[in-house]
């Protein structure tokens, strides 16, 4: 194993051609074979794409194990989220057994005995060396990494979350580790806060006229409670819950306004008359906001609750497509969140198919709609083609090209005749249309025109070959070890051979343009 800080580049042997080259641990092929393999992979992909064997991300496919539909999230996905974990474990077990069998064949039966001995030694060390839980000081059981139970793990998460909030300024007081080690929480439960608020509110209403001292004490605690609520991450939800709690208290007490006003603000405790329906709605909304109905294992639409999070506001949920995400209890109970968003893709696809399939736009008729922007359309001449749906609907594309008008055909014929005239003039002079500024051939091994890779068949050494083609004759410019030298030789040859020819081409173009009045 290489030392830290040293390079992993070594001389490797190509698995395809057998020559040696410099590469990293995962370099299996030399640069030349790697380029050939990339081209072959590109050709194979295009063939599969023409046959319709490729899949788009976001499309729907069937699981190879259970046949259930799932959303394609990666190119090599073959199983639905329910079957994938067990199937991956089976593949891992098969690979492990194959690896062990190959190792035994290479090193003999003694290797199996050493392998089992190492596993027994690891098990003995894990069982004898007792680890201490950092939260409660208990013994960490075998199989657990750091904490002795889920309760201690959750307490550690809450403490880490509190330290983060204190660091960014969301909490004013630094959290105490001892409180969280005993099961302390970052925030009080929303239900406990509302219960404390209701108690203080009733005390203030009862002692408004009879006991001013009790009223002042409750008012002071109320102000402190409201200030603490404004520092919470769920301050908006607390405000809504307080509003519904006020409705419930006013409906239950039905207290009149005080006759004489003093320095205390009586308008803050004005009693309103509500209907029984409004009272019941307030109770239901308060129960939703307090999150009393969200438990581990509950299902809300496509979400399944896995566990509570440290802030008592969110829960960790898993969608039916396999994605895990924190979701607010309030949005779950109110139905504002029913999935991670993958259902919108399916619903949008169903809506677009029902809306556009069978409709005719100019010469196009929509046959099928795919996820994304594309759709399968059939022209009036019978030709089917994949099109961007917006271009068909907006009229940018009216046909496959079979319905071009006579004027357009005439313009095309004129353009083709002008092109033939240009070509005839250049051929008569022994020239081509362009010498400088050509695009690089897609099959170029180096990506530079006039520079290729040359490999010595006897020694296997790779060099860069520079050349230039003038009047159908190829002129060799030499072999170079550095690609920059080959590029420089090619540019010098272009200045020598191509620039005079390009000047003659430009002069002929200007002459024909002035005579015909056409732009080349």
Foldseek 3Di string as FASTA:
>chain_A
DDDPPDDQWDWDAAPPPGDTDTDHPPDRHDLVVVVVVVVVVVVVVVVCVVVVNFDDQLFWDAAPPPRDIAGHHDRPDRHFLVCVVVVVVVVVVVVVVVVVVVVCVVVNPVVVVVVVVVVVVVVVCQCPDWAAAPLARDTQDPPDDHHNDPLSVQLVQQLVVQQVCVVVPLDVDRDDSNCSSVPHASDDQLVVLLVLLLVLVVQLVVCVPPPVVSNVVSVVVNVVSLVVLVSAPVSVLSVLLNVLSLLLVLAVPVDDFDPDDDPDDRVVNHRDDDDPVSNVVSVVLNCQSSLPPDDQQDAQAQWHFHACHRSNFWTWTAGSRGDIDTDGSNCRVVVVDRGPCSVVQVVVQVVVQVVQAQDAQQQWHFHHDGRDQWTWIAGVVGDIDIDRVVCRNVVVDRGPPPPDDPVVVVVVVVVVVVVVVLCVVQVVVLHDLDDPDDAFDPPASVRDPQKHWDADPVPRDIWIWGWDADSNRIDTQDTHRDVVVSVVSNVVVCVVGVPVRRVVSVVVQVVSCVVPVDHD
